[in-house]
Amino acid sequence: VDRTVDVAKELGVDHVVSFDHNQGLARGFMAGLDACLKAGADIIVNTDADNQYCAADIPKLIAPIVQGEAEIVVGERPIMEIKHFSPVKKILQRLGSWAVRVASNTRVADAPSGFRAISRDAAMQLNVFNEYTYTLETIIQAGQKGMAVASVPIRTNGYLRPSRLVKSIASYVQRSLFTILRIFITYRPLSFFTILGAIPFGLGFLLSVRWVWLLVMTFEATGRSHVPSLIFSAILILIGVQCWIFGLIADLMSANRKLLEDIQLRLRRSDIEDYMKKNRQKEIR
């Protein structure tokens, strides 16, 4: 039985946020952000419950935000030095971080790290759609929104227990790739569908060139028109064009999403300010 809430209360924690039943890491993260914002936090520090990260490095973690150099700071673990990480996991951690850097246009060295500091303004703008984890999605989202994201080296504690989030390496990789792909499509749909459509369009174009060459060079000798090749190339070209049309439509929808996010940000700020005002009035009474 998970006694996190009971232990937190026994140790005198001022604010505890809990659900009636397990709703996943991502929902817990967003609930924690909301509670911190309503409590008036200027900087929010997030850490995992498995005691993996060294809490003494919190001042180092928040320093770039205090100095105005970043809005989100991610703790960079010494991945290659962590003994309980298998060689496969170390390689996958590096590959995953590289993929996130490409998708987010940031320089985060350890994307899956849960030890991070977030400014108040950045916390208000974050939205997590994935129910599995928040680590990759928030970095990609922050990068696509133009937030300043930094990473600092941090220390880790000794190994206590296996991760409850990662059931198997294959499952984690599959879910992580899906998350990266989904966020990339959400924030850069035109680029995604342009690349996707270029593959069948390019193959179809090459097949059509081949068909023209065969028609000119061999038709008189063989009498064959190679119609199946022409039909197949036309289908591929049509698929490519359709992907580009989907990209244009998705790009227009992305513009509407940005407007909705601006409205959501204003409403969130208004709700938090109203909540804090009511609390102040209660304290005065």
C-alpha atoms as a PDB file:
ATOM      1  CA  VAL A   1       0.000   0.000   0.000  1.00  0.00           C
ATOM      2  CA  ASP A   2       1.301   3.449  -0.933  1.00  0.00           C
ATOM      3  CA  ARG A   3       1.529   5.567   2.249  1.00  0.00           C
ATOM      4  CA  THR A   4       2.912   8.685   0.557  1.00  0.00           C
ATOM      5  CA  VAL A   5       0.157  10.974   1.838  1.00  0.00           C
ATOM      6  CA  ASP A   6       0.338   9.608   5.409  1.00  0.00           C
ATOM      7  CA  VAL A   7       4.123   9.943   5.530  1.00  0.00           C
ATOM      8  CA  ALA A   8       3.947  13.486   4.138  1.00  0.00           C
ATOM      9  CA  LYS A   9       1.458  14.520   6.833  1.00  0.00           C
ATOM     10  CA  GLU A  10       3.498  12.839   9.562  1.00  0.00           C
ATOM     11  CA  LEU A  11       6.540  14.861   8.468  1.00  0.00           C
ATOM     12  CA  GLY A  12       4.584  18.132   8.630  1.00  0.00           C
ATOM     13  CA  VAL A  13       4.165  18.908   4.932  1.00  0.00           C
ATOM     14  CA  ASP A  14       2.066  22.083   4.607  1.00  0.00           C
ATOM     15  CA  HIS A  15       0.208  21.248   1.378  1.00  0.00           C
ATOM     16  CA  VAL A  16      -0.773  17.752   0.270  1.00  0.00           C
ATOM     17  CA  VAL A  17      -2.618  17.016  -2.999  1.00  0.00           C
ATOM     18  CA  SER A  18      -4.109  13.541  -3.429  1.00  0.00           C
ATOM     19  CA  PHE A  19      -6.685  11.662  -5.534  1.00  0.00           C
ATOM     20  CA  ASP A  20      -9.285   9.161  -4.384  1.00  0.00           C
ATOM     21  CA  HIS A  21      -7.740   6.634  -6.795  1.00  0.00           C
ATOM     22  CA  ASN A  22      -4.625   6.422  -8.951  1.00  0.00           C
ATOM     23  CA  GLN A  23      -4.995   8.704 -11.997  1.00  0.00           C
ATOM     24  CA  GLY A  24      -1.476   8.407 -13.337  1.00  0.00           C
ATOM     25  CA  LEU A  25       1.752  10.383 -13.147  1.00  0.00           C
ATOM     26  CA  ALA A  26       0.783  13.075 -15.659  1.00  0.00           C
ATOM     27  CA  ARG A  27      -2.471  14.007 -13.905  1.00  0.00           C
ATOM     28  CA  GLY A  28      -0.682  14.084 -10.579  1.00  0.00           C
ATOM     29  CA  PHE A  29       1.942  16.413 -12.038  1.00  0.00           C
ATOM     30  CA  MET A  30      -0.673  18.830 -13.393  1.00  0.00           C
ATOM     31  CA  ALA A  31      -2.611  18.768 -10.102  1.00  0.00           C
ATOM     32  CA  GLY A  32       0.618  19.572  -8.285  1.00  0.00           C
ATOM     33  CA  LEU A  33       1.346  22.513 -10.609  1.00  0.00           C
ATOM     34  CA  ASP A  34      -2.152  23.885 -10.062  1.00  0.00           C
ATOM     35  CA  ALA A  35      -1.844  23.591  -6.282  1.00  0.00           C
ATOM     36  CA  CYS A  36       1.558  25.310  -6.298  1.00  0.00           C
ATOM     37  CA  LEU A  37       0.237  28.180  -8.420  1.00  0.00           C
ATOM     38  CA  LYS A  38      -2.735  28.665  -6.099  1.00  0.00           C
ATOM     39  CA  ALA A  39      -0.348  28.660  -3.140  1.00  0.00           C
ATOM     40  CA  GLY A  40       1.503  31.571  -4.748  1.00  0.00           C
ATOM     41  CA  ALA A  41       4.717  29.767  -5.723  1.00  0.00           C
ATOM     42  CA  ASP A  42       7.106  31.742  -7.939  1.00  0.00           C
ATOM     43  CA  ILE A  43       9.253  28.683  -8.693  1.00  0.00           C
ATOM     44  CA  ILE A  44       8.022  25.086  -8.613  1.00  0.00           C
ATOM     45  CA  VAL A  45      10.465  22.210  -8.070  1.00  0.00           C
ATOM     46  CA  ASN A  46       9.369  18.733  -9.115  1.00  0.00           C
ATOM     47  CA  THR A  47      11.085  15.528  -8.010  1.00  0.00           C
ATOM     48  CA  ASP A  48      10.228  11.828  -8.183  1.00  0.00           C
ATOM     49  CA  ALA A  49       9.002   9.915  -5.151  1.00  0.00           C
ATOM     50  CA  ASP A  50      11.634   7.182  -5.450  1.00  0.00           C
ATOM     51  CA  ASN A  51      14.308   9.437  -3.907  1.00  0.00           C
ATOM     52  CA  GLN A  52      16.416   9.137  -7.043  1.00  0.00           C
ATOM     53  CA  TYR A  53      17.500  12.786  -7.108  1.00  0.00           C
ATOM     54  CA  CYS A  54      19.698  14.595  -4.580  1.00  0.00           C
ATOM     55  CA  ALA A  55      17.550  17.303  -2.958  1.00  0.00           C
ATOM     56  CA  ALA A  56      20.682  19.225  -1.956  1.00  0.00           C
ATOM     57  CA  ASP A  57      20.987  20.247  -5.638  1.00  0.00           C
ATOM     58  CA  ILE A  58      17.733  22.229  -5.602  1.00  0.00           C
ATOM     59  CA  PRO A  59      19.588  25.600  -5.260  1.00  0.00           C
ATOM     60  CA  LYS A  60      21.625  24.660  -8.347  1.00  0.00           C
ATOM     61  CA  LEU A  61      18.415  23.693 -10.167  1.00  0.00           C
ATOM     62  CA  ILE A  62      16.566  26.953  -9.541  1.00  0.00           C
ATOM     63  CA  ALA A  63      19.570  29.245 -10.113  1.00  0.00           C
ATOM     64  CA  PRO A  64      18.978  29.800 -13.876  1.00  0.00           C
ATOM     65  CA  ILE A  65      15.362  30.820 -13.166  1.00  0.00           C
ATOM     66  CA  VAL A  66      16.354  33.169 -10.336  1.00  0.00           C
ATOM     67  CA  GLN A  67      18.973  34.740 -12.615  1.00  0.00           C
ATOM     68  CA  GLY A  68      16.400  35.159 -15.413  1.00  0.00           C
ATOM     69  CA  GLU A  69      18.241  32.829 -17.802  1.00  0.00           C
ATOM     70  CA  ALA A  70      15.554  30.144 -18.126  1.00  0.00           C
ATOM     71  CA  GLU A  71      11.900  29.395 -17.463  1.00  0.00           C
ATOM     72  CA  ILE A  72      12.299  25.623 -17.132  1.00  0.00           C
ATOM     73  CA  VAL A  73      15.403  23.851 -15.827  1.00  0.00           C
ATOM     74  CA  VAL A  74      15.892  20.084 -16.100  1.00  0.00           C
ATOM     75  CA  GLY A  75      18.353  18.216 -13.885  1.00  0.00           C
ATOM     76  CA  GLU A  76      20.900  16.267 -15.930  1.00  0.00           C
ATOM     77  CA  ARG A  77      21.780  12.945 -14.293  1.00  0.00           C
ATOM     78  CA  PRO A  78      25.176  11.295 -14.854  1.00  0.00           C
ATOM     79  CA  ILE A  79      23.493   8.552 -16.896  1.00  0.00           C
ATOM     80  CA  MET A  80      26.664   6.667 -17.810  1.00  0.00           C
ATOM     81  CA  GLU A  81      27.713   6.514 -14.146  1.00  0.00           C
ATOM     82  CA  ILE A  82      24.443   5.159 -12.719  1.00  0.00           C
ATOM     83  CA  LYS A  83      25.225   1.541 -11.855  1.00  0.00           C
ATOM     84  CA  HIS A  84      21.675   0.135 -11.770  1.00  0.00           C
ATOM     85  CA  PHE A  85      20.969   1.365 -15.330  1.00  0.00           C
ATOM     86  CA  SER A  86      21.618  -1.389 -17.862  1.00  0.00           C
ATOM     87  CA  PRO A  87      23.719  -0.607 -20.969  1.00  0.00           C
ATOM     88  CA  VAL A  88      20.558  -0.835 -23.097  1.00  0.00           C
ATOM     89  CA  LYS A  89      18.716   1.643 -20.869  1.00  0.00           C
ATOM     90  CA  LYS A  90      21.647   4.071 -20.970  1.00  0.00           C
ATOM     91  CA  ILE A  91      21.707   3.986 -24.766  1.00  0.00           C
ATOM     92  CA  LEU A  92      17.923   4.419 -24.973  1.00  0.00           C
ATOM     93  CA  GLN A  93      18.049   7.339 -22.529  1.00  0.00           C
ATOM     94  CA  ARG A  94      20.550   9.086 -24.776  1.00  0.00           C
ATOM     95  CA  LEU A  95      18.585   8.333 -27.960  1.00  0.00           C
ATOM     96  CA  GLY A  96      15.336   9.515 -26.351  1.00  0.00           C
ATOM     97  CA  SER A  97      16.942  12.751 -25.189  1.00  0.00           C
ATOM     98  CA  TRP A  98      18.347  13.323 -28.689  1.00  0.00           C
ATOM     99  CA  ALA A  99      14.884  12.817 -30.233  1.00  0.00           C
ATOM    100  CA  VAL A 100      13.349  15.278 -27.767  1.00  0.00           C
ATOM    101  CA  ARG A 101      16.061  17.846 -28.547  1.00  0.00           C
ATOM    102  CA  VAL A 102      15.276  17.564 -32.255  1.00  0.00           C
ATOM    103  CA  ALA A 103      11.509  17.825 -31.706  1.00  0.00           C
ATOM    104  CA  SER A 104      11.709  20.674 -29.179  1.00  0.00           C
ATOM    105  CA  ASN A 105      14.674  22.706 -30.497  1.00  0.00           C
ATOM    106  CA  THR A 106      16.173  22.700 -26.998  1.00  0.00           C
ATOM    107  CA  ARG A 107      19.475  21.492 -25.552  1.00  0.00           C
ATOM    108  CA  VAL A 108      18.122  19.309 -22.756  1.00  0.00           C
ATOM    109  CA  ALA A 109      20.648  16.533 -22.149  1.00  0.00           C
ATOM    110  CA  ASP A 110      18.424  14.308 -19.963  1.00  0.00           C
ATOM    111  CA  ALA A 111      14.838  14.609 -21.211  1.00  0.00           C
ATOM    112  CA  PRO A 112      13.299  11.803 -19.043  1.00  0.00           C
ATOM    113  CA  SER A 113      14.627  13.407 -15.834  1.00  0.00           C
ATOM    114  CA  GLY A 114      11.853  14.193 -13.349  1.00  0.00           C
ATOM    115  CA  PHE A 115      13.997  16.608 -11.336  1.00  0.00           C
ATOM    116  CA  ARG A 116      13.136  20.032 -12.716  1.00  0.00           C
ATOM    117  CA  ALA A 117      12.334  23.604 -11.765  1.00  0.00           C
ATOM    118  CA  ILE A 118       9.560  25.596 -13.429  1.00  0.00           C
ATOM    119  CA  SER A 119       8.829  29.312 -13.231  1.00  0.00           C
ATOM    120  CA  ARG A 120       5.341  30.501 -12.377  1.00  0.00           C
ATOM    121  CA  ASP A 121       4.685  31.876 -15.855  1.00  0.00           C
ATOM    122  CA  ALA A 122       5.880  28.679 -17.544  1.00  0.00           C
ATOM    123  CA  ALA A 123       3.744  26.494 -15.250  1.00  0.00           C
ATOM    124  CA  MET A 124       0.638  28.405 -16.288  1.00  0.00           C
ATOM    125  CA  GLN A 125       1.309  27.650 -19.957  1.00  0.00           C
ATOM    126  CA  LEU A 126       1.954  23.922 -19.690  1.00  0.00           C
ATOM    127  CA  ASN A 127      -0.678  21.369 -20.710  1.00  0.00           C
ATOM    128  CA  VAL A 128      -0.184  17.614 -20.498  1.00  0.00           C
ATOM    129  CA  PHE A 129      -2.365  15.499 -22.803  1.00  0.00           C
ATOM    130  CA  ASN A 130      -0.568  12.213 -22.283  1.00  0.00           C
ATOM    131  CA  GLU A 131      -1.800  10.145 -19.336  1.00  0.00           C
ATOM    132  CA  TYR A 132       1.441   8.146 -19.076  1.00  0.00           C
ATOM    133  CA  THR A 133       4.151  10.717 -18.339  1.00  0.00           C
ATOM    134  CA  TYR A 134       4.802  14.452 -18.443  1.00  0.00           C
ATOM    135  CA  THR A 135       8.606  14.524 -18.837  1.00  0.00           C
ATOM    136  CA  LEU A 136       8.974  14.438 -22.625  1.00  0.00           C
ATOM    137  CA  GLU A 137       5.765  16.269 -23.463  1.00  0.00           C
ATOM    138  CA  THR A 138       6.460  19.327 -21.303  1.00  0.00           C
ATOM    139  CA  ILE A 139       9.944  19.826 -22.787  1.00  0.00           C
ATOM    140  CA  ILE A 140       8.731  19.560 -26.385  1.00  0.00           C
ATOM    141  CA  GLN A 141       5.778  21.812 -25.593  1.00  0.00           C
ATOM    142  CA  ALA A 142       8.005  24.410 -23.900  1.00  0.00           C
ATOM    143  CA  GLY A 143      10.458  24.388 -26.807  1.00  0.00           C
ATOM    144  CA  GLN A 144       7.720  24.810 -29.398  1.00  0.00           C
ATOM    145  CA  LYS A 145       6.264  27.705 -27.380  1.00  0.00           C
ATOM    146  CA  GLY A 146       9.606  29.474 -27.342  1.00  0.00           C
ATOM    147  CA  MET A 147      10.290  29.116 -23.613  1.00  0.00           C
ATOM    148  CA  ALA A 148      13.897  29.214 -22.433  1.00  0.00           C
ATOM    149  CA  VAL A 149      14.759  25.674 -21.332  1.00  0.00           C
ATOM    150  CA  ALA A 150      18.081  24.844 -19.665  1.00  0.00           C
ATOM    151  CA  SER A 151      19.653  21.835 -17.997  1.00  0.00           C
ATOM    152  CA  VAL A 152      22.151  21.626 -15.130  1.00  0.00           C
ATOM    153  CA  PRO A 153      24.192  18.655 -13.869  1.00  0.00           C
ATOM    154  CA  ILE A 154      22.764  17.112 -10.700  1.00  0.00           C
ATOM    155  CA  ARG A 155      23.639  14.192  -8.435  1.00  0.00           C
ATOM    156  CA  THR A 156      21.597  11.070  -7.783  1.00  0.00           C
ATOM    157  CA  ASN A 157      21.037   9.049  -4.625  1.00  0.00           C
ATOM    158  CA  GLY A 158      21.561   5.338  -4.136  1.00  0.00           C
ATOM    159  CA  TYR A 159      19.238   2.780  -5.725  1.00  0.00           C
ATOM    160  CA  LEU A 160      16.202   2.020  -3.527  1.00  0.00           C
ATOM    161  CA  ARG A 161      13.605   0.255  -5.688  1.00  0.00           C
ATOM    162  CA  PRO A 162      12.654  -0.406  -9.337  1.00  0.00           C
ATOM    163  CA  SER A 163      10.646   2.238 -11.179  1.00  0.00           C
ATOM    164  CA  ARG A 164       6.884   1.769 -10.982  1.00  0.00           C
ATOM    165  CA  LEU A 165       6.396   3.731 -14.191  1.00  0.00           C
ATOM    166  CA  VAL A 166       8.676   1.663 -16.427  1.00  0.00           C
ATOM    167  CA  LYS A 167       7.226  -1.853 -16.558  1.00  0.00           C
ATOM    168  CA  SER A 168       9.562  -2.879 -19.385  1.00  0.00           C
ATOM    169  CA  ILE A 169      12.075  -1.169 -21.652  1.00  0.00           C
ATOM    170  CA  ALA A 170      10.062  -2.071 -24.780  1.00  0.00           C
ATOM    171  CA  SER A 171       6.860  -0.594 -23.343  1.00  0.00           C
ATOM    172  CA  TYR A 172       8.630   2.575 -22.228  1.00  0.00           C
ATOM    173  CA  VAL A 173      10.270   3.089 -25.628  1.00  0.00           C
ATOM    174  CA  GLN A 174       6.978   2.517 -27.439  1.00  0.00           C
ATOM    175  CA  ARG A 175       5.079   4.993 -25.280  1.00  0.00           C
ATOM    176  CA  SER A 176       7.871   7.557 -25.408  1.00  0.00           C
ATOM    177  CA  LEU A 177       8.069   7.417 -29.214  1.00  0.00           C
ATOM    178  CA  PHE A 178       4.292   7.805 -29.447  1.00  0.00           C
ATOM    179  CA  THR A 179       4.426  10.817 -27.119  1.00  0.00           C
ATOM    180  CA  ILE A 180       7.199  12.495 -29.128  1.00  0.00           C
ATOM    181  CA  LEU A 181       5.380  11.837 -32.409  1.00  0.00           C
ATOM    182  CA  ARG A 182       2.049  13.073 -31.062  1.00  0.00           C
ATOM    183  CA  ILE A 183       3.480  16.337 -29.703  1.00  0.00           C
ATOM    184  CA  PHE A 184       5.478  16.926 -32.901  1.00  0.00           C
ATOM    185  CA  ILE A 185       2.290  16.510 -34.959  1.00  0.00           C
ATOM    186  CA  THR A 186       0.405  18.832 -32.581  1.00  0.00           C
ATOM    187  CA  TYR A 187       2.918  21.668 -32.688  1.00  0.00           C
ATOM    188  CA  ARG A 188       4.517  21.231 -36.139  1.00  0.00           C
ATOM    189  CA  PRO A 189       1.841  19.579 -38.281  1.00  0.00           C
ATOM    190  CA  LEU A 190       2.866  21.198 -41.565  1.00  0.00           C
ATOM    191  CA  SER A 191       6.472  19.984 -41.241  1.00  0.00           C
ATOM    192  CA  PHE A 192       5.359  16.489 -40.275  1.00  0.00           C
ATOM    193  CA  PHE A 193       2.869  16.011 -43.109  1.00  0.00           C
ATOM    194  CA  THR A 194       5.225  17.661 -45.632  1.00  0.00           C
ATOM    195  CA  ILE A 195       7.915  15.087 -44.821  1.00  0.00           C
ATOM    196  CA  LEU A 196       5.366  12.270 -44.687  1.00  0.00           C
ATOM    197  CA  GLY A 197       3.836  13.230 -48.036  1.00  0.00           C
ATOM    198  CA  ALA A 198       7.212  13.684 -49.722  1.00  0.00           C
ATOM    199  CA  ILE A 199       7.964   9.956 -49.398  1.00  0.00           C
ATOM    200  CA  PRO A 200       5.066   8.554 -51.515  1.00  0.00           C
ATOM    201  CA  PHE A 201       5.131  11.590 -53.818  1.00  0.00           C
ATOM    202  CA  GLY A 202       8.845  11.102 -54.501  1.00  0.00           C
ATOM    203  CA  LEU A 203       8.404   7.373 -55.147  1.00  0.00           C
ATOM    204  CA  GLY A 204       5.442   8.066 -57.403  1.00  0.00           C
ATOM    205  CA  PHE A 205       7.375  10.686 -59.340  1.00  0.00           C
ATOM    206  CA  LEU A 206      10.305   8.309 -59.878  1.00  0.00           C
ATOM    207  CA  LEU A 207       7.919   5.577 -61.055  1.00  0.00           C
ATOM    208  CA  SER A 208       6.281   8.004 -63.488  1.00  0.00           C
ATOM    209  CA  VAL A 209       9.708   8.940 -64.904  1.00  0.00           C
ATOM    210  CA  ARG A 210      10.484   5.237 -65.234  1.00  0.00           C
ATOM    211  CA  TRP A 211       7.143   4.716 -67.019  1.00  0.00           C
ATOM    212  CA  VAL A 212       7.893   7.494 -69.506  1.00  0.00           C
ATOM    213  CA  TRP A 213      11.346   6.051 -70.176  1.00  0.00           C
ATOM    214  CA  LEU A 214       9.944   2.525 -70.722  1.00  0.00           C
ATOM    215  CA  LEU A 215       7.189   3.885 -72.961  1.00  0.00           C
ATOM    216  CA  VAL A 216       9.614   5.795 -75.157  1.00  0.00           C
ATOM    217  CA  MET A 217      12.365   3.187 -75.271  1.00  0.00           C
ATOM    218  CA  THR A 218      10.490  -0.148 -75.411  1.00  0.00           C
ATOM    219  CA  PHE A 219       6.955   0.457 -76.675  1.00  0.00           C
ATOM    220  CA  GLU A 220       7.757  -0.001 -80.340  1.00  0.00           C
ATOM    221  CA  ALA A 221       9.707  -3.191 -79.669  1.00  0.00           C
ATOM    222  CA  THR A 222       7.378  -4.869 -77.165  1.00  0.00           C
ATOM    223  CA  GLY A 223       4.056  -3.071 -77.620  1.00  0.00           C
ATOM    224  CA  ARG A 224       3.655  -2.928 -73.821  1.00  0.00           C
ATOM    225  CA  SER A 225       2.350   0.323 -72.311  1.00  0.00           C
ATOM    226  CA  HIS A 226       3.202  -0.585 -68.669  1.00  0.00           C
ATOM    227  CA  VAL A 227      -0.146   0.776 -67.455  1.00  0.00           C
ATOM    228  CA  PRO A 228       0.101  -0.876 -63.975  1.00  0.00           C
ATOM    229  CA  SER A 229       3.267   1.145 -63.267  1.00  0.00           C
ATOM    230  CA  LEU A 230       1.482   4.314 -64.339  1.00  0.00           C
ATOM    231  CA  ILE A 231      -1.505   3.552 -62.089  1.00  0.00           C
ATOM    232  CA  PHE A 232       0.730   2.756 -59.104  1.00  0.00           C
ATOM    233  CA  SER A 233       2.749   5.952 -59.565  1.00  0.00           C
ATOM    234  CA  ALA A 234      -0.475   7.981 -59.796  1.00  0.00           C
ATOM    235  CA  ILE A 235      -1.726   6.438 -56.542  1.00  0.00           C
ATOM    236  CA  LEU A 236       1.531   7.256 -54.750  1.00  0.00           C
ATOM    237  CA  ILE A 237       1.520  10.838 -56.036  1.00  0.00           C
ATOM    238  CA  LEU A 238      -2.114  11.211 -54.949  1.00  0.00           C
ATOM    239  CA  ILE A 239      -1.281   9.911 -51.444  1.00  0.00           C
ATOM    240  CA  GLY A 240       1.572  12.429 -51.196  1.00  0.00           C
ATOM    241  CA  VAL A 241      -0.660  15.321 -52.254  1.00  0.00           C
ATOM    242  CA  GLN A 242      -3.344  14.255 -49.778  1.00  0.00           C
ATOM    243  CA  CYS A 243      -0.764  14.236 -46.962  1.00  0.00           C
ATOM    244  CA  TRP A 244       0.202  17.805 -47.889  1.00  0.00           C
ATOM    245  CA  ILE A 245      -3.466  18.835 -47.845  1.00  0.00           C
ATOM    246  CA  PHE A 246      -3.827  17.239 -44.400  1.00  0.00           C
ATOM    247  CA  GLY A 247      -0.776  19.250 -43.322  1.00  0.00           C
ATOM    248  CA  LEU A 248      -2.336  22.523 -44.473  1.00  0.00           C
ATOM    249  CA  ILE A 249      -5.596  21.731 -42.663  1.00  0.00           C
ATOM    250  CA  ALA A 250      -3.738  20.667 -39.509  1.00  0.00           C
ATOM    251  CA  ASP A 251      -1.650  23.870 -39.667  1.00  0.00           C
ATOM    252  CA  LEU A 252      -4.834  25.967 -39.757  1.00  0.00           C
ATOM    253  CA  MET A 253      -6.179  23.965 -36.792  1.00  0.00           C
ATOM    254  CA  SER A 254      -2.861  24.558 -35.010  1.00  0.00           C
ATOM    255  CA  ALA A 255      -3.371  28.315 -35.384  1.00  0.00           C
ATOM    256  CA  ASN A 256      -6.787  27.969 -33.727  1.00  0.00           C
ATOM    257  CA  ARG A 257      -5.218  25.882 -30.954  1.00  0.00           C
ATOM    258  CA  LYS A 258      -2.741  28.682 -30.208  1.00  0.00           C
ATOM    259  CA  LEU A 259      -5.622  31.124 -29.863  1.00  0.00           C
ATOM    260  CA  LEU A 260      -7.409  28.723 -27.509  1.00  0.00           C
ATOM    261  CA  GLU A 261      -4.220  28.314 -25.454  1.00  0.00           C
ATOM    262  CA  ASP A 262      -3.983  32.107 -25.090  1.00  0.00           C
ATOM    263  CA  ILE A 263      -7.584  32.191 -23.865  1.00  0.00           C
ATOM    264  CA  GLN A 264      -6.913  29.287 -21.503  1.00  0.00           C
ATOM    265  CA  LEU A 265      -3.843  31.075 -20.104  1.00  0.00           C
ATOM    266  CA  ARG A 266      -5.872  34.206 -19.366  1.00  0.00           C
ATOM    267  CA  LEU A 267      -8.617  32.188 -17.696  1.00  0.00           C
ATOM    268  CA  ARG A 268      -6.084  30.211 -15.645  1.00  0.00           C
ATOM    269  CA  ARG A 269      -4.389  33.397 -14.467  1.00  0.00           C
ATOM    270  CA  SER A 270      -7.749  34.908 -13.584  1.00  0.00           C
ATOM    271  CA  ASP A 271      -8.875  31.802 -11.676  1.00  0.00           C
ATOM    272  CA  ILE A 272      -5.618  31.593  -9.706  1.00  0.00           C
ATOM    273  CA  GLU A 273      -5.683  35.299  -8.859  1.00  0.00           C
ATOM    274  CA  ASP A 274      -9.315  35.013  -7.672  1.00  0.00           C
ATOM    275  CA  TYR A 275      -8.432  31.947  -5.590  1.00  0.00           C
ATOM    276  CA  MET A 276      -5.510  33.743  -3.949  1.00  0.00           C
ATOM    277  CA  LYS A 277      -7.624  36.829  -3.231  1.00  0.00           C
ATOM    278  CA  LYS A 278     -10.300  34.737  -1.536  1.00  0.00           C
ATOM    279  CA  ASN A 279      -7.658  33.031   0.611  1.00  0.00           C
ATOM    280  CA  ARG A 280      -6.208  36.401   1.654  1.00  0.00           C
ATOM    281  CA  GLN A 281      -9.665  37.635   2.619  1.00  0.00           C
ATOM    282  CA  LYS A 282     -10.213  34.521   4.725  1.00  0.00           C
ATOM    283  CA  GLU A 283      -6.885  35.038   6.493  1.00  0.00           C
ATOM    284  CA  ILE A 284      -7.736  38.681   7.225  1.00  0.00           C
ATOM    285  CA  ARG A 285     -11.097  37.670   8.728  1.00  0.00           C
END
